[in-house]
Protein backbone atom coordinates (compact mmCIF):
# COMPACT_ATOMS: atom_id res chain seq x y z
CA MET A 1 -88.83 -11.70 -38.07
CA PRO A 2 -90.15 -8.00 -38.46
CA ILE A 3 -88.11 -5.53 -40.56
CA ASP A 4 -87.15 -3.42 -37.95
CA THR A 5 -86.24 -5.90 -36.07
CA VAL A 6 -83.54 -7.38 -38.52
CA ASN A 7 -82.60 -3.55 -39.83
CA GLY A 8 -81.58 -3.53 -35.36
CA LEU A 9 -79.21 -5.63 -35.69
CA GLN A 10 -77.41 -4.90 -39.13
CA ASP A 11 -76.96 -1.53 -37.45
CA PHE A 12 -76.04 -3.59 -34.23
CA ASP A 13 -73.41 -5.82 -36.29
CA LEU A 14 -71.97 -2.77 -38.09
CA CYS A 15 -71.43 -1.22 -34.32
CA ARG A 16 -69.87 -3.29 -33.07
CA GLY A 17 -68.11 -4.54 -36.03
CA LEU A 18 -66.45 -0.47 -36.13
CA LYS A 19 -66.02 -1.22 -32.01
CA TYR A 20 -63.81 -4.66 -32.78
CA ARG A 21 -61.88 -2.45 -35.52
CA LEU A 22 -61.58 0.67 -33.33
CA TRP A 23 -60.57 -1.45 -30.72
CA GLY A 24 -57.94 -3.83 -32.57
CA HIS A 25 -56.56 -0.30 -34.13
CA MET A 26 -56.27 1.08 -30.20
CA GLU A 27 -54.53 -2.24 -29.00
CA MET A 28 -51.81 -2.22 -32.08
CA LYS A 29 -51.05 0.82 -30.53
CA ARG A 30 -49.97 -1.09 -26.88
CA PHE A 31 -48.10 -3.76 -26.08
CA THR A 32 -49.89 -7.04 -26.05
CA ARG A 33 -48.55 -10.10 -24.14
CA PHE A 34 -47.47 -11.73 -27.26
CA GLY A 35 -45.70 -8.09 -28.22
CA ARG A 36 -43.57 -8.23 -24.94
CA ASN A 37 -43.08 -11.67 -26.03
CA THR A 38 -41.51 -11.42 -28.85
CA ILE A 39 -39.69 -7.91 -28.25
CA LEU A 40 -37.94 -9.49 -25.12
CA LEU A 41 -37.31 -12.81 -27.21
CA PHE A 42 -35.22 -10.62 -29.86
CA LEU A 43 -33.33 -8.41 -27.43
CA LEU A 44 -32.35 -11.79 -25.63
CA VAL A 45 -31.45 -13.87 -29.11
CA SER A 46 -29.74 -10.05 -30.48
CA LEU A 47 -27.98 -9.08 -26.77
CA LEU A 48 -26.69 -11.88 -25.41
CA PRO A 49 -24.31 -12.92 -27.86
CA LEU A 50 -23.27 -8.98 -28.26
CA ALA A 51 -22.92 -9.30 -24.37
CA ALA A 52 -20.42 -12.70 -24.31
CA VAL A 53 -18.88 -11.19 -27.17
CA SER A 54 -18.19 -7.98 -25.40
CA ALA A 55 -17.24 -9.61 -22.18
CA THR A 56 -14.63 -12.07 -23.49
CA THR A 57 -12.73 -9.26 -25.84
CA TYR A 58 -12.58 -7.64 -22.48
CA ILE A 59 -11.14 -9.70 -20.48
CA TYR A 60 -8.50 -10.79 -23.05
CA MET A 61 -7.54 -7.42 -23.84
CA ARG A 62 -7.13 -6.51 -19.82
CA ILE A 63 -5.11 -9.97 -19.44
CA HIS A 64 -2.64 -9.08 -23.12
CA ILE A 65 -2.31 -5.42 -22.24
CA LYS A 66 -1.55 -6.92 -18.24
CA ASP A 67 1.15 -8.85 -19.20
CA MET A 68 2.32 -6.79 -22.05
CA VAL A 69 3.01 -3.35 -19.66
CA SER A 70 4.50 -5.99 -16.35
CA LYS A 71 7.18 -7.09 -19.20
CA GLU A 72 7.95 -3.41 -19.88
CA LEU A 73 7.45 -2.49 -16.68
CA GLU A 74 9.92 -5.77 -15.82
CA TYR A 75 11.99 -4.38 -18.37
CA ASP A 76 12.32 -0.97 -17.31
CA ALA A 77 12.98 -2.14 -13.53
CA SER A 78 16.15 -4.48 -14.63
CA LYS A 79 17.53 -1.49 -16.46
CA TYR A 80 17.45 0.33 -13.25
CA ARG A 81 18.72 -2.09 -11.56
CA ASP A 82 21.79 -2.78 -13.86
CA HIS A 83 22.16 1.01 -13.49
CA VAL A 84 21.94 0.96 -9.58
CA ARG A 85 23.93 -2.60 -9.86
CA THR A 86 26.85 -0.62 -11.55
CA LEU A 87 26.85 2.66 -9.55
CA ILE A 88 27.25 0.10 -6.52
CA ASN A 89 30.49 -2.03 -7.95
CA ALA A 90 32.07 0.95 -9.58
CA TRP A 91 32.22 2.48 -5.69
CA LEU A 92 33.19 -0.92 -4.70
CA TRP A 93 36.26 -1.13 -6.68
CA ARG A 94 37.31 2.31 -5.84
CA THR A 95 36.69 1.33 -1.94
CA ILE A 96 39.07 -1.88 -2.72
CA ASP A 97 41.16 0.12 -4.70
CA PHE A 98 41.36 3.06 -1.65
CA SER A 99 42.15 0.02 1.01
CA SER A 100 45.25 -1.18 -1.84
CA ASP A 101 46.64 2.40 -1.40
CA GLY A 102 50.48 1.52 0.42
CA PHE A 103 50.82 5.11 1.60
CA ILE A 104 47.19 5.09 3.04
CA ARG A 105 48.14 1.19 4.45
CA ASP A 106 51.65 2.19 5.72
CA ALA A 107 49.90 5.68 7.74
CA ALA A 108 47.06 3.42 9.39
CA GLN A 109 49.56 0.81 10.78
CA GLU A 110 51.64 3.73 12.00
CA ILE A 111 49.05 5.90 13.72
CA ILE A 112 47.49 2.61 14.68
CA LEU A 113 50.59 1.25 16.14
CA GLY A 114 51.88 4.59 17.27
CA THR A 115 55.47 4.37 15.70
CA GLY A 116 56.78 6.66 12.89
CA ASP A 117 56.18 9.97 11.87
CA PRO A 118 54.29 11.73 14.61
CA ASN A 119 53.03 13.98 12.05
CA ILE A 120 52.08 11.29 10.07
CA VAL A 121 48.10 12.16 10.60
CA ASP A 122 48.43 15.00 9.02
CA LYS A 123 49.89 13.51 6.29
CA LEU A 124 47.41 11.20 5.83
CA ASN A 125 44.57 13.26 6.23
CA THR A 126 46.39 15.83 3.49
CA HIS A 127 46.45 12.28 1.05
CA LEU A 128 42.89 11.67 1.25
CA ARG A 129 41.35 15.29 1.05
CA VAL A 130 44.22 15.89 -2.12
CA ASN A 131 44.59 12.62 -3.65
CA LYS A 132 41.56 10.95 -3.25
CA MET A 133 38.70 13.29 -2.45
CA SER A 134 39.57 14.86 -5.90
CA LEU A 135 39.08 11.88 -7.71
CA HIS A 136 34.60 12.07 -7.70
CA PRO A 137 32.81 14.47 -7.10
CA ALA A 138 29.77 12.77 -5.36
CA MET A 139 32.23 11.18 -2.55
CA PHE A 140 32.52 14.03 0.64
CA GLU A 141 34.64 12.49 2.78
CA VAL A 142 36.99 9.45 3.58
CA SER A 143 38.17 7.87 6.76
CA ILE A 144 39.91 5.58 8.31
CA LEU A 145 39.22 3.95 11.29
CA ASP A 146 41.66 1.36 13.72
CA LYS A 147 40.43 -1.68 15.39
CA SER A 148 38.01 -0.33 17.99
CA GLY A 149 36.37 1.86 15.27
CA VAL A 150 38.39 4.79 16.44
CA VAL A 151 38.35 7.41 13.39
CA VAL A 152 42.31 8.49 13.48
CA ALA A 153 42.16 10.00 10.10
CA SER A 154 39.72 11.43 7.46
CA SER A 155 39.49 13.31 4.88
CA ASN A 156 37.57 15.51 7.08
CA ASP A 157 39.11 16.72 10.47
CA VAL A 158 35.90 16.99 12.42
CA GLU A 159 35.36 13.22 12.43
CA VAL A 160 39.12 12.22 13.68
CA CYS A 161 38.61 10.61 17.18
CA LYS A 162 35.21 9.99 16.39
CA ASP A 163 33.54 6.49 17.95
CA LEU A 164 32.09 4.32 15.20
CA SER A 165 31.93 0.81 16.49
CA ALA A 166 28.37 0.48 16.91
CA THR A 167 28.01 1.03 12.72
CA ASP A 168 27.16 -1.93 10.43
CA TYR A 169 30.07 -0.53 8.33
CA PHE A 170 32.25 -0.64 10.74
CA LYS A 171 31.17 -4.21 12.34
CA LYS A 172 30.38 -6.25 8.29
CA PRO A 173 33.71 -6.10 7.06
CA PHE A 174 34.83 -7.92 10.36
CA VAL A 175 31.64 -10.32 11.12
CA CYS A 176 31.52 -11.47 7.24
CA PHE A 177 34.93 -11.26 5.77
CA GLU A 178 34.38 -15.32 4.94
CA GLU A 179 30.76 -14.25 2.63
CA THR A 180 32.07 -10.60 1.18
CA GLY A 181 36.13 -10.36 1.27
CA GLY A 182 35.72 -8.26 3.96
CA ILE A 183 33.82 -5.66 2.60
CA PHE A 184 30.57 -3.86 2.86
CA ALA A 185 28.02 -1.59 1.08
CA GLY A 186 24.70 0.46 2.59
CA ASP A 187 22.92 3.51 3.54
CA VAL A 188 23.17 5.70 6.75
CA LYS A 189 20.92 8.53 7.32
CA SER A 190 23.49 11.67 7.13
CA GLN A 191 25.04 13.50 9.47
CA THR A 192 26.32 15.88 6.83
CA PHE A 193 23.36 16.73 4.94
CA PRO A 194 20.56 16.71 7.84
CA GLY A 195 17.27 14.56 6.38
CA GLN A 196 18.52 12.98 3.25
CA PRO A 197 20.72 9.90 3.29
CA GLU A 198 24.34 8.99 2.31
CA LEU A 199 25.86 5.94 0.59
CA VAL A 200 28.47 3.99 2.99
CA PHE A 201 31.81 2.02 1.36
CA SER A 202 33.70 0.05 3.82
CA ARG A 203 36.48 -2.42 3.91
CA LEU A 204 39.02 -4.04 5.73
CA LEU A 205 42.70 -2.48 5.92
CA LYS A 206 45.30 -5.23 6.25
CA ASP A 207 48.79 -5.38 6.89
CA LYS A 208 51.53 -5.76 3.74
CA VAL A 209 53.28 -8.44 5.64
CA TYR A 210 50.47 -10.91 7.70
CA GLN A 211 47.65 -9.73 5.76
CA SER A 212 45.89 -9.09 9.48
CA PRO A 213 43.03 -6.65 9.58
CA ILE A 214 44.53 -3.04 11.27
CA GLY A 215 41.03 -1.18 10.68
CA VAL A 216 38.36 -0.05 8.36
CA ILE A 217 38.84 2.26 5.32
CA VAL A 218 35.23 4.02 5.14
CA LEU A 219 34.39 5.73 1.82
CA ARG A 220 30.68 8.38 1.95
CA VAL A 221 28.78 9.16 -1.30
CA LYS A 222 26.24 11.35 -2.12
CA THR A 223 22.73 10.08 -2.96
CA ASP A 224 22.61 12.30 -5.84
CA THR A 225 24.09 9.84 -8.69
CA LEU A 226 22.00 6.99 -7.18
CA GLN A 227 19.20 9.99 -8.17
CA ASP A 228 20.45 10.38 -11.54
CA VAL A 229 20.44 6.50 -12.02
CA ILE A 230 16.65 6.33 -11.55
CA ARG A 231 15.60 9.02 -13.12
CA PRO A 232 13.52 8.43 -16.36
CA HIS A 233 14.85 9.06 -19.89
CA ALA A 234 13.32 9.29 -23.52
CA GLU A 235 14.06 5.49 -24.90
CA ALA A 236 13.13 5.14 -28.79
CA PHE A 237 11.42 2.81 -30.15
CA THR A 238 12.51 0.49 -32.78
CA ASP A 239 11.08 1.94 -35.48
CA GLY A 240 12.77 5.37 -34.15
CA ALA A 241 9.64 7.05 -35.14
CA SER A 242 8.06 8.05 -31.42
CA GLU A 243 9.66 7.49 -28.46
CA LYS A 244 7.97 6.57 -24.70
CA LEU A 245 8.48 7.36 -21.39
CA LEU A 246 10.05 4.86 -18.99
CA ALA A 247 8.37 4.16 -15.79
CA LYS A 248 8.58 6.40 -12.63
CA ALA A 249 10.67 4.46 -10.62
CA TYR A 250 11.83 4.67 -6.62
CA ILE A 251 14.30 3.00 -4.92
CA THR A 252 13.99 1.45 -1.22
CA ASN A 253 16.52 0.13 1.15
CA LYS A 254 16.56 -2.91 3.66
CA ASN A 255 14.14 -1.85 5.95
CA GLY A 256 11.38 -0.13 3.50
CA LEU A 257 12.47 3.20 3.55
CA LEU A 258 12.75 5.38 0.46
CA ILE A 259 16.13 6.80 -0.80
CA ALA A 260 15.65 7.44 -4.15
CA ASP A 261 12.52 8.70 -5.67
CA GLY A 262 12.16 9.68 -9.84
CA PRO A 263 11.32 11.50 -11.88
CA SER A 264 10.85 14.71 -9.54
CA PRO A 265 10.91 13.55 -5.83
CA GLY A 266 7.46 13.75 -3.88
CA CYS A 267 8.75 12.87 -0.18
CA GLU A 268 11.74 13.44 2.14
CA MET A 269 14.11 10.52 1.92
CA PHE A 270 14.65 8.41 4.18
CA ARG A 271 11.41 9.49 6.43
CA GLN A 272 8.73 7.67 4.09
CA GLN A 273 7.81 4.24 4.61
CA ILE A 274 7.50 2.18 2.04
CA ASP A 275 4.66 -0.72 2.51
CA THR A 276 3.25 -1.38 -0.43
CA ASP A 277 2.54 -5.42 -1.19
CA ASN A 278 5.51 -5.54 -3.85
CA VAL A 279 8.04 -4.13 -2.00
CA ARG A 280 7.37 -5.62 1.00
CA GLN A 281 7.10 -9.80 -0.29
CA VAL A 282 10.75 -9.35 -2.35
CA LEU A 283 12.51 -7.76 0.72
CA SER A 284 11.28 -10.57 2.75
CA THR A 285 11.47 -13.31 0.41
CA ARG A 286 15.06 -11.63 -2.33
CA VAL A 287 12.67 -12.53 -5.30
CA ASP A 288 11.31 -10.70 -7.80
CA SER A 289 7.73 -9.79 -8.12
CA VAL A 290 4.85 -8.05 -10.68
CA GLY A 291 1.40 -7.06 -9.81
CA GLU A 292 -1.21 -4.71 -9.34
CA TYR A 293 -1.62 -2.78 -5.76
CA LYS A 294 -1.65 0.60 -4.25
CA ASN A 295 1.35 1.99 -4.21
CA TYR A 296 3.26 4.26 -1.25
CA GLN A 297 0.79 7.46 -2.97
CA GLY A 298 -2.29 5.51 -2.53
CA ASN A 299 -2.65 5.16 -6.33
CA ASP A 300 -3.92 1.97 -8.09
CA VAL A 301 -0.36 1.04 -9.86
CA LEU A 302 0.56 -2.03 -12.31
CA GLY A 303 4.33 -1.66 -10.92
CA ALA A 304 7.43 -4.82 -11.15
CA THR A 305 10.02 -4.62 -8.08
CA LEU A 306 13.28 -6.48 -8.64
CA PHE A 307 15.82 -7.36 -5.74
CA ILE A 308 19.35 -5.89 -5.49
CA ASP A 309 21.20 -8.26 -3.90
CA GLU A 310 24.72 -6.53 -3.90
CA ILE A 311 23.15 -3.72 -1.43
CA ASP A 312 19.62 -5.87 0.27
CA TRP A 313 17.47 -3.03 -1.81
CA ALA A 314 14.69 -3.45 -3.75
CA VAL A 315 14.18 -1.34 -7.10
CA THR A 316 10.54 -0.72 -7.99
CA ALA A 317 9.23 0.61 -11.71
CA GLU A 318 5.72 1.27 -11.64
CA ARG A 319 3.11 3.32 -13.82
CA ASP A 320 -0.72 3.88 -13.31
CA ALA A 321 -3.45 1.80 -13.31
CA HIS A 322 -5.65 4.41 -15.17
CA GLU A 323 -3.15 4.94 -18.04
CA VAL A 324 -2.54 1.62 -18.77
CA PHE A 325 -6.28 0.34 -18.52
CA ALA A 326 -7.06 3.55 -20.40
CA PRO A 327 -7.62 1.48 -24.04
CA LEU A 328 -10.55 -0.49 -22.11
CA ARG A 329 -12.42 2.34 -21.97
CA ARG A 330 -12.27 3.62 -25.32
CA LEU A 331 -13.06 -0.07 -25.86
CA GLY A 332 -15.99 0.01 -23.92
CA TYR A 333 -17.61 2.96 -25.46
CA ILE A 334 -17.28 1.12 -28.32
CA PHE A 335 -19.31 -1.65 -27.39
CA GLY A 336 -21.64 0.95 -25.36
CA GLY A 337 -22.26 2.23 -28.80
CA ILE A 338 -22.89 -0.90 -30.25
CA ALA A 339 -24.92 -1.87 -27.97
CA GLY A 340 -27.32 0.73 -27.82
CA GLY A 341 -27.77 0.65 -32.00
CA SER A 342 -28.51 -2.60 -31.54
CA LEU A 343 -30.95 -1.91 -28.69
CA LEU A 344 -32.49 0.64 -30.74
CA LEU A 345 -32.72 -1.70 -34.15
CA VAL A 346 -34.01 -5.22 -32.39
CA PHE A 347 -36.56 -3.14 -30.22
CA GLY A 348 -37.88 -1.22 -33.74
CA LEU A 349 -38.12 -4.54 -35.64
CA SER A 350 -39.72 -5.75 -32.84
CA LEU A 351 -42.14 -3.63 -32.43
CA ALA A 352 -42.91 -3.70 -36.06
CA ILE A 353 -43.02 -7.73 -36.39
CA SER A 354 -45.96 -7.99 -32.66
CA SER A 355 -47.66 -4.82 -34.43
CA ASN A 356 -48.27 -6.29 -37.68
CA ILE A 357 -48.99 -9.91 -35.82
CA ASN A 358 -51.44 -8.04 -33.05
CA ARG A 359 -53.25 -6.91 -36.16
CA SER A 360 -53.55 -10.34 -37.95
CA ILE A 361 -54.81 -12.08 -34.43
CA LYS A 362 -57.36 -9.17 -34.03
CA GLU A 363 -59.13 -9.42 -38.01
CA LEU A 364 -59.11 -13.28 -37.19
CA ILE A 365 -60.72 -12.65 -33.77
CA TYR A 366 -62.93 -10.27 -35.47
CA GLY A 367 -63.72 -12.56 -38.46
CA THR A 368 -64.55 -15.28 -35.97
CA GLU A 369 -67.05 -13.81 -34.48
CA ARG A 370 -68.68 -12.90 -37.41
CA VAL A 371 -69.18 -16.24 -39.07
CA ALA A 372 -70.20 -17.31 -35.22
CA ARG A 373 -73.34 -15.02 -35.71
CA GLY A 374 -74.19 -16.25 -39.24
CA ASP A 375 -72.30 -14.19 -41.59
CA LEU A 376 -70.38 -17.23 -43.63
CA SER A 377 -69.86 -14.29 -46.18
CA TYR A 378 -67.36 -12.42 -44.46
CA LYS A 379 -63.48 -12.82 -45.35
CA THR A 380 -60.31 -12.11 -43.34
CA GLU A 381 -57.48 -11.24 -44.79
CA LEU A 382 -54.38 -12.21 -42.60
C-alpha cells in the first residue's frame, strides 16, 4: 500500500477517534436513555418509601388528633350540659317551692272559687312581687293561672286577665302530669324583651285537702343566666403551667332555634335556625353526636352535640377545623422539605452514577471499533 494511503488512513483514524471522544464527552452531558432510566429507578426506590411513610404518618396523626380533640370537645360539652342541668333543676325546684307556698295556694283558691277577701288579688300580687321576685334578679315575673288558662294574679299587674290557655307551659302540666309530676320547663319568645327568648317554668297548683288541680303557677326568667353558663372560661392544665380556652358553645331549643351563643353572640337569639348535621341528628334521635361538619356560620368545624333531656335542648361545643389540624400542616411542611432534599440528593447521585457508566460505555464502543478496524494494540480503560 502506498505511503500516502497509509498516512491518509492514520489521519482518518485519528480524526475519527477525536470525533468519538468529542462526541462521547458531548453525549455525557446529556441524558441518555440509560441515564434517564437510572435516575427514574433511583427516584422510584428512594421516594416511594418516603411517600408511603409520609402518607401513613399523616393519616395516623389526623386520626389521632381528631380522636383527641373529639374527646376534649365531648368533655367540654358535657360540662356545659351539667351547668345547664344545674341551672334548670334549680329553677324547677324554685317553682316547686313557690307552688308549695301556703299563702299562694290559699289565695289562688280563694280567687278562683270567688270566696274570701275581696282584696285577695292585690295581696297576692304584692306577695309575689315583694316576697318572691326579690329572691333572684334573673326572675322578672311570677303569675298564677286558673284552670282555664286566665291569669288571675301576677307580679306584673299588666298580665292579669290575659288568656294563656294556648301556651305549652299551661297545657303541659295538665297533659303530662303522670310523666312529669305536673311540672314544665321550656323557652318562649319574650314579649317583655323583644327579639329575645325567655325561660319559663310552671307547675300545677293543688288544693291542700284533695290535692286536685286548681291552676298553674308560672315563673319567667331572663336568659342572661343561660348565656353566662356557656361563656368559655380558662381552665388550668394538670401541670398548672399553662391554660387552655374551652371550645365555643351554643344551645339550641327543640325546634333548632339558637337561644344562647358564647362567647360573644353573633346572631339574634330565637331567629337563627341551627340546621347542622350534628344538631339535627341529636334533636331527632335524642342521642349524642360527635363529628366533622359545617357549623351554622358555614365554617368547617369539629364538634360535639349533647342532648339535654330535662328540657329537650341540645348543647354544642366546637372548634375550627383549620385550628384543630394546624399541626398536620406543619408536619406537611417538614415532609415536603425532606422530600425536596431527598429529591436533590437522589438526582445528583443518579446523575453522577449514570454519567460515569455512560463514559465507560462510550470508551468501550470506541475501543471495539478500533479493534474491529485491526488495531489490536488499542487498550480501553473502564
